Amino acid sequence: MLFAMHIFVNVVQLQGWAEGNLMLLAGTAWYVFISIWDVGLILNLRFFREIASWKRTIPWLMTFLFACYFYVGVFAEIQKIMQGETWKDSTQEIYFAYILWLNTPTAIISTIYLIMLPFKTHDLSITHDDD
């Protein structure tokens, strides 16, 4: 459903990723990549378990940074609304709110990855070998 929403917004509402906008295309590439990564993690697929730990940790770090950006942005928008301002006060605020809206499916998928990786693997555990 999230994938359908993402494709609908980019193909129909934005007329084909705004006629080839690289930022929107990169966002879709990241969304597809992290979705496939999530499926591998959730279904505990063999090929995913055989990938080197650092190759699963790098997307986790990128996802963490993206999630921080997204949730801080959402919090800032909520705080503005609670102070009586709107997201329509300036062109910059309209653009930022729209970017948050476009990134909502990716944020949901990314949050799932952030939560599931520590539970399904030991990639983020800190171990000390006291030999």
N, C-alpha and C. Protein backbone atom coordinates (compact mmCIF):
# COMPACT_ATOMS: atom_id res chain seq x y z
N MET A 1 0.82 -1.19 0.00
CA MET A 1 0.00 0.00 0.00
C MET A 1 0.87 1.26 0.00
N LEU A 2 1.95 1.23 0.81
CA LEU A 2 2.84 2.39 0.83
C LEU A 2 3.52 2.57 -0.53
N PHE A 3 3.89 1.45 -1.15
CA PHE A 3 4.53 1.53 -2.46
C PHE A 3 3.56 2.12 -3.48
N ALA A 4 2.30 1.70 -3.42
CA ALA A 4 1.29 2.23 -4.33
C ALA A 4 1.11 3.73 -4.12
N MET A 5 1.11 4.17 -2.86
CA MET A 5 0.98 5.59 -2.58
C MET A 5 2.18 6.36 -3.13
N HIS A 6 3.37 5.81 -2.92
CA HIS A 6 4.59 6.45 -3.40
C HIS A 6 4.57 6.58 -4.92
N ILE A 7 4.24 5.51 -5.60
CA ILE A 7 4.20 5.53 -7.07
C ILE A 7 3.09 6.46 -7.57
N PHE A 8 1.92 6.44 -6.93
CA PHE A 8 0.82 7.33 -7.33
C PHE A 8 1.24 8.79 -7.25
N VAL A 9 1.85 9.17 -6.13
CA VAL A 9 2.26 10.57 -5.97
C VAL A 9 3.28 10.95 -7.03
N ASN A 10 4.27 10.09 -7.25
CA ASN A 10 5.34 10.45 -8.19
C ASN A 10 4.94 10.34 -9.65
N VAL A 11 4.11 9.39 -10.00
CA VAL A 11 3.74 9.21 -11.40
C VAL A 11 2.56 10.10 -11.78
N VAL A 12 1.52 10.09 -10.98
CA VAL A 12 0.30 10.81 -11.33
C VAL A 12 0.37 12.27 -10.91
N GLN A 13 0.56 12.51 -9.61
CA GLN A 13 0.51 13.89 -9.13
C GLN A 13 1.72 14.72 -9.57
N LEU A 14 2.87 14.09 -9.67
CA LEU A 14 4.07 14.83 -10.07
C LEU A 14 4.44 14.62 -11.54
N GLN A 15 3.54 14.04 -12.31
CA GLN A 15 3.74 13.79 -13.74
C GLN A 15 5.10 13.14 -14.03
N GLY A 16 5.30 11.98 -13.46
CA GLY A 16 6.52 11.22 -13.75
C GLY A 16 7.76 11.79 -13.09
N TRP A 17 7.72 11.85 -11.77
CA TRP A 17 8.86 12.33 -10.99
C TRP A 17 9.27 13.73 -11.43
N ALA A 18 8.28 14.58 -11.64
CA ALA A 18 8.51 15.96 -12.07
C ALA A 18 9.40 16.00 -13.31
N GLU A 19 9.06 15.13 -14.25
CA GLU A 19 9.77 15.02 -15.53
C GLU A 19 11.26 14.71 -15.34
N GLY A 20 11.55 13.81 -14.41
CA GLY A 20 12.92 13.33 -14.24
C GLY A 20 13.74 14.05 -13.19
N ASN A 21 13.13 14.63 -12.19
CA ASN A 21 13.85 15.30 -11.12
C ASN A 21 14.73 14.29 -10.38
N LEU A 22 16.03 14.57 -10.30
CA LEU A 22 16.97 13.62 -9.71
C LEU A 22 16.71 13.37 -8.23
N MET A 23 16.29 14.40 -7.51
CA MET A 23 16.00 14.22 -6.07
C MET A 23 14.84 13.23 -5.89
N LEU A 24 13.80 13.38 -6.69
CA LEU A 24 12.65 12.49 -6.57
C LEU A 24 13.00 11.08 -7.03
N LEU A 25 13.79 10.96 -8.09
CA LEU A 25 14.22 9.64 -8.55
C LEU A 25 15.11 8.96 -7.50
N ALA A 26 16.01 9.72 -6.89
CA ALA A 26 16.86 9.17 -5.83
C ALA A 26 16.02 8.74 -4.63
N GLY A 27 14.99 9.52 -4.31
CA GLY A 27 14.09 9.14 -3.22
C GLY A 27 13.37 7.84 -3.49
N THR A 28 12.95 7.64 -4.73
CA THR A 28 12.30 6.38 -5.09
C THR A 28 13.29 5.23 -5.06
N ALA A 29 14.51 5.46 -5.54
CA ALA A 29 15.54 4.41 -5.50
C ALA A 29 15.82 4.01 -4.06
N TRP A 30 15.93 5.00 -3.16
CA TRP A 30 16.16 4.69 -1.74
C TRP A 30 14.97 3.93 -1.17
N TYR A 31 13.76 4.35 -1.51
CA TYR A 31 12.56 3.69 -1.01
C TYR A 31 12.52 2.23 -1.44
N VAL A 32 12.80 1.96 -2.70
CA VAL A 32 12.79 0.58 -3.20
C VAL A 32 13.90 -0.23 -2.53
N PHE A 33 15.10 0.35 -2.41
CA PHE A 33 16.22 -0.35 -1.77
C PHE A 33 15.89 -0.71 -0.33
N ILE A 34 15.41 0.25 0.45
CA ILE A 34 15.17 -0.02 1.87
C ILE A 34 13.97 -0.94 2.04
N SER A 35 13.03 -0.93 1.10
CA SER A 35 11.90 -1.86 1.16
C SER A 35 12.38 -3.30 0.94
N ILE A 36 13.23 -3.49 -0.05
CA ILE A 36 13.79 -4.83 -0.29
C ILE A 36 14.63 -5.27 0.90
N TRP A 37 15.39 -4.36 1.45
CA TRP A 37 16.21 -4.64 2.62
C TRP A 37 15.32 -5.07 3.79
N ASP A 38 14.20 -4.38 3.98
CA ASP A 38 13.25 -4.73 5.05
C ASP A 38 12.68 -6.13 4.86
N VAL A 39 12.30 -6.45 3.64
CA VAL A 39 11.73 -7.77 3.36
C VAL A 39 12.75 -8.85 3.70
N GLY A 40 14.00 -8.64 3.30
CA GLY A 40 15.05 -9.61 3.63
C GLY A 40 15.23 -9.79 5.12
N LEU A 41 15.11 -8.71 5.85
CA LEU A 41 15.27 -8.76 7.30
C LEU A 41 14.07 -9.40 7.98
N ILE A 42 12.88 -8.99 7.61
CA ILE A 42 11.66 -9.49 8.24
C ILE A 42 11.45 -10.97 7.96
N LEU A 43 11.69 -11.39 6.71
CA LEU A 43 11.49 -12.79 6.35
C LEU A 43 12.69 -13.67 6.70
N ASN A 44 13.74 -13.05 7.24
CA ASN A 44 14.94 -13.76 7.66
C ASN A 44 15.51 -14.59 6.50
N LEU A 45 15.61 -13.98 5.33
CA LEU A 45 16.08 -14.66 4.13
C LEU A 45 17.57 -15.00 4.23
N ARG A 46 17.93 -16.14 3.68
CA ARG A 46 19.30 -16.63 3.79
C ARG A 46 20.32 -15.67 3.17
N PHE A 47 20.02 -15.16 1.98
CA PHE A 47 20.99 -14.25 1.34
C PHE A 47 21.22 -13.01 2.18
N PHE A 48 20.19 -12.58 2.90
CA PHE A 48 20.33 -11.40 3.74
C PHE A 48 21.20 -11.70 4.96
N ARG A 49 21.05 -12.88 5.53
CA ARG A 49 21.86 -13.28 6.69
C ARG A 49 23.32 -13.45 6.31
N GLU A 50 23.59 -13.80 5.05
CA GLU A 50 24.96 -14.05 4.61
C GLU A 50 25.71 -12.77 4.21
N ILE A 51 25.01 -11.67 4.12
CA ILE A 51 25.66 -10.39 3.81
C ILE A 51 26.51 -9.98 5.01
N ALA A 52 27.67 -9.42 4.73
CA ALA A 52 28.55 -8.97 5.82
C ALA A 52 27.82 -7.96 6.71
N SER A 53 28.12 -8.04 7.99
CA SER A 53 27.46 -7.20 8.98
C SER A 53 27.57 -5.71 8.64
N TRP A 54 28.74 -5.27 8.21
CA TRP A 54 28.92 -3.85 7.93
C TRP A 54 28.08 -3.40 6.74
N LYS A 55 27.75 -4.33 5.84
CA LYS A 55 26.91 -3.97 4.70
C LYS A 55 25.45 -3.81 5.10
N ARG A 56 25.06 -4.37 6.22
CA ARG A 56 23.71 -4.13 6.74
C ARG A 56 23.69 -2.93 7.67
N THR A 57 24.83 -2.63 8.28
CA THR A 57 24.91 -1.52 9.23
C THR A 57 24.95 -0.17 8.51
N ILE A 58 25.61 -0.08 7.37
CA ILE A 58 25.67 1.19 6.63
C ILE A 58 24.27 1.68 6.24
N PRO A 59 23.40 0.84 5.66
CA PRO A 59 22.03 1.32 5.40
C PRO A 59 21.29 1.70 6.69
N TRP A 60 21.60 1.00 7.80
CA TRP A 60 20.96 1.35 9.07
C TRP A 60 21.36 2.76 9.49
N LEU A 61 22.63 3.10 9.35
CA LEU A 61 23.08 4.45 9.71
C LEU A 61 22.46 5.51 8.79
N MET A 62 22.39 5.22 7.50
CA MET A 62 21.75 6.16 6.57
C MET A 62 20.27 6.31 6.90
N THR A 63 19.64 5.21 7.25
CA THR A 63 18.23 5.24 7.63
C THR A 63 18.03 6.02 8.91
N PHE A 64 18.94 5.87 9.86
CA PHE A 64 18.87 6.61 11.12
C PHE A 64 18.93 8.11 10.86
N LEU A 65 19.86 8.53 10.00
CA LEU A 65 19.96 9.96 9.68
C LEU A 65 18.70 10.47 8.98
N PHE A 66 18.18 9.68 8.05
CA PHE A 66 16.95 10.07 7.36
C PHE A 66 15.79 10.18 8.35
N ALA A 67 15.66 9.20 9.25
CA ALA A 67 14.57 9.21 10.22
C ALA A 67 14.68 10.41 11.16
N CYS A 68 15.91 10.74 11.57
CA CYS A 68 16.09 11.93 12.41
C CYS A 68 15.60 13.18 11.68
N TYR A 69 16.00 13.32 10.42
CA TYR A 69 15.56 14.47 9.61
C TYR A 69 14.04 14.51 9.53
N PHE A 70 13.43 13.37 9.22
CA PHE A 70 11.99 13.33 9.02
C PHE A 70 11.24 13.64 10.32
N TYR A 71 11.59 12.97 11.41
CA TYR A 71 10.83 13.14 12.64
C TYR A 71 11.07 14.50 13.29
N VAL A 72 12.26 15.06 13.15
CA VAL A 72 12.48 16.42 13.64
C VAL A 72 11.64 17.40 12.81
N GLY A 73 11.56 17.17 11.50
CA GLY A 73 10.72 18.01 10.64
C GLY A 73 9.26 17.93 11.02
N VAL A 74 8.77 16.72 11.28
CA VAL A 74 7.37 16.55 11.69
C VAL A 74 7.13 17.24 13.02
N PHE A 75 8.06 17.07 13.96
CA PHE A 75 7.93 17.72 15.26
C PHE A 75 7.91 19.25 15.10
N ALA A 76 8.76 19.78 14.24
CA ALA A 76 8.79 21.23 14.00
C ALA A 76 7.47 21.72 13.41
N GLU A 77 6.91 20.95 12.48
CA GLU A 77 5.62 21.34 11.89
C GLU A 77 4.51 21.31 12.94
N ILE A 78 4.50 20.30 13.79
CA ILE A 78 3.49 20.21 14.85
C ILE A 78 3.64 21.37 15.82
N GLN A 79 4.89 21.69 16.17
CA GLN A 79 5.14 22.81 17.09
C GLN A 79 4.65 24.13 16.48
N LYS A 80 4.88 24.33 15.19
CA LYS A 80 4.39 25.55 14.52
C LYS A 80 2.88 25.65 14.61
N ILE A 81 2.21 24.54 14.33
CA ILE A 81 0.75 24.53 14.36
C ILE A 81 0.24 24.82 15.77
N MET A 82 0.90 24.26 16.77
CA MET A 82 0.47 24.48 18.16
C MET A 82 0.69 25.93 18.59
N GLN A 83 1.61 26.64 17.94
CA GLN A 83 1.86 28.04 18.26
C GLN A 83 0.99 28.98 17.42
N GLY A 84 0.09 28.42 16.64
CA GLY A 84 -0.82 29.23 15.86
C GLY A 84 -0.32 29.60 14.47
N GLU A 85 0.85 29.12 14.10
CA GLU A 85 1.37 29.37 12.76
C GLU A 85 0.86 28.27 11.83
N THR A 86 1.10 28.42 10.55
CA THR A 86 0.71 27.37 9.61
C THR A 86 1.92 26.97 8.78
N TRP A 87 1.78 25.88 8.07
CA TRP A 87 2.84 25.44 7.18
C TRP A 87 2.79 26.18 5.86
N LYS A 88 1.86 27.14 5.74
CA LYS A 88 1.68 27.90 4.51
C LYS A 88 2.14 29.35 4.64
N ASP A 89 2.94 29.68 5.66
CA ASP A 89 3.35 31.06 5.88
C ASP A 89 4.37 31.56 4.87
N SER A 90 5.16 30.68 4.30
CA SER A 90 6.15 31.09 3.30
C SER A 90 6.32 29.97 2.28
N THR A 91 6.94 30.31 1.18
CA THR A 91 7.20 29.30 0.14
C THR A 91 8.09 28.19 0.69
N GLN A 92 9.08 28.56 1.48
CA GLN A 92 9.99 27.58 2.06
C GLN A 92 9.24 26.60 2.96
N GLU A 93 8.31 27.09 3.75
CA GLU A 93 7.54 26.21 4.64
C GLU A 93 6.61 25.29 3.85
N ILE A 94 6.04 25.80 2.77
CA ILE A 94 5.19 24.95 1.91
C ILE A 94 6.04 23.84 1.30
N TYR A 95 7.21 24.20 0.79
CA TYR A 95 8.10 23.22 0.18
C TYR A 95 8.52 22.16 1.21
N PHE A 96 8.90 22.60 2.41
CA PHE A 96 9.34 21.67 3.45
C PHE A 96 8.22 20.71 3.84
N ALA A 97 7.01 21.23 4.02
CA ALA A 97 5.87 20.37 4.37
C ALA A 97 5.58 19.38 3.24
N TYR A 98 5.73 19.81 2.01
CA TYR A 98 5.49 18.92 0.86
C TYR A 98 6.55 17.82 0.80
N ILE A 99 7.79 18.17 1.06
CA ILE A 99 8.87 17.17 1.10
C ILE A 99 8.60 16.16 2.21
N LEU A 100 8.14 16.62 3.36
CA LEU A 100 7.79 15.69 4.44
C LEU A 100 6.69 14.75 3.98
N TRP A 101 5.68 15.28 3.30
CA TRP A 101 4.59 14.45 2.81
C TRP A 101 5.10 13.41 1.82
N LEU A 102 5.95 13.81 0.89
CA LEU A 102 6.50 12.87 -0.09
C LEU A 102 7.33 11.77 0.57
N ASN A 103 7.98 12.10 1.67
CA ASN A 103 8.86 11.14 2.34
C ASN A 103 8.15 10.29 3.38
N THR A 104 6.86 10.46 3.57
CA THR A 104 6.15 9.68 4.59
C THR A 104 6.23 8.18 4.37
N PRO A 105 5.97 7.64 3.17
CA PRO A 105 6.11 6.18 3.01
C PRO A 105 7.53 5.70 3.30
N THR A 106 8.52 6.45 2.86
CA THR A 106 9.91 6.07 3.11
C THR A 106 10.21 6.11 4.60
N ALA A 107 9.66 7.09 5.30
CA ALA A 107 9.90 7.18 6.74
C ALA A 107 9.30 5.98 7.48
N ILE A 108 8.15 5.53 7.05
CA ILE A 108 7.53 4.37 7.69
C ILE A 108 8.38 3.12 7.47
N ILE A 109 8.79 2.89 6.23
CA ILE A 109 9.63 1.74 5.91
C ILE A 109 10.97 1.84 6.63
N SER A 110 11.55 3.02 6.68
CA SER A 110 12.83 3.22 7.35
C SER A 110 12.73 2.95 8.84
N THR A 111 11.65 3.38 9.45
CA THR A 111 11.46 3.14 10.87
C THR A 111 11.36 1.65 11.17
N ILE A 112 10.70 0.92 10.30
CA ILE A 112 10.63 -0.54 10.47
C ILE A 112 12.04 -1.13 10.44
N TYR A 113 12.88 -0.67 9.51
CA TYR A 113 14.25 -1.18 9.43
C TYR A 113 15.04 -0.81 10.68
N LEU A 114 14.88 0.41 11.16
CA LEU A 114 15.59 0.84 12.37
C LEU A 114 15.26 -0.04 13.57
N ILE A 115 14.00 -0.43 13.66
CA ILE A 115 13.56 -1.24 14.79
C ILE A 115 13.93 -2.71 14.61
N MET A 116 13.77 -3.22 13.40
CA MET A 116 13.94 -4.66 13.17
C MET A 116 15.39 -5.11 13.15
N LEU A 117 16.32 -4.30 12.65
CA LEU A 117 17.71 -4.76 12.53
C LEU A 117 18.30 -5.19 13.86
N PRO A 118 18.16 -4.41 14.94
CA PRO A 118 18.73 -4.87 16.21
C PRO A 118 18.05 -6.14 16.75
N PHE A 119 16.78 -6.35 16.43
CA PHE A 119 16.08 -7.53 16.93
C PHE A 119 16.38 -8.78 16.12
N LYS A 120 16.64 -8.64 14.84
CA LYS A 120 16.84 -9.79 13.96
C LYS A 120 18.30 -10.18 13.77
N THR A 121 19.23 -9.25 14.03
CA THR A 121 20.65 -9.53 13.85
C THR A 121 21.42 -9.04 15.07
N HIS A 122 22.70 -9.33 15.07
CA HIS A 122 23.58 -8.81 16.13
C HIS A 122 24.52 -7.75 15.56
N ASP A 123 24.10 -7.11 14.48
CA ASP A 123 24.95 -6.14 13.81
C ASP A 123 25.28 -4.93 14.67
N LEU A 124 24.39 -4.53 15.52
CA LEU A 124 24.60 -3.32 16.31
C LEU A 124 25.05 -3.61 17.73
N SER A 125 25.25 -4.88 18.07
CA SER A 125 25.65 -5.21 19.43
C SER A 125 27.13 -4.92 19.63
N ILE A 126 27.46 -4.53 20.82
CA ILE A 126 28.86 -4.25 21.17
C ILE A 126 29.34 -5.41 22.04
N THR A 127 30.30 -6.14 21.52
CA THR A 127 30.84 -7.27 22.27
C THR A 127 32.30 -7.02 22.56
N HIS A 128 32.72 -7.48 23.71
CA HIS A 128 34.11 -7.35 24.11
C HIS A 128 34.69 -8.73 24.28
N ASP A 129 35.79 -8.99 23.60
CA ASP A 129 36.48 -10.26 23.76
C ASP A 129 37.57 -10.08 24.80
N ASP A 130 37.37 -10.64 25.96
CA ASP A 130 38.34 -10.53 27.05
C ASP A 130 39.20 -11.77 27.08
N ASP A 131 40.07 -11.94 26.10
CA ASP A 131 40.91 -13.13 26.03
C ASP A 131 42.07 -13.04 26.95
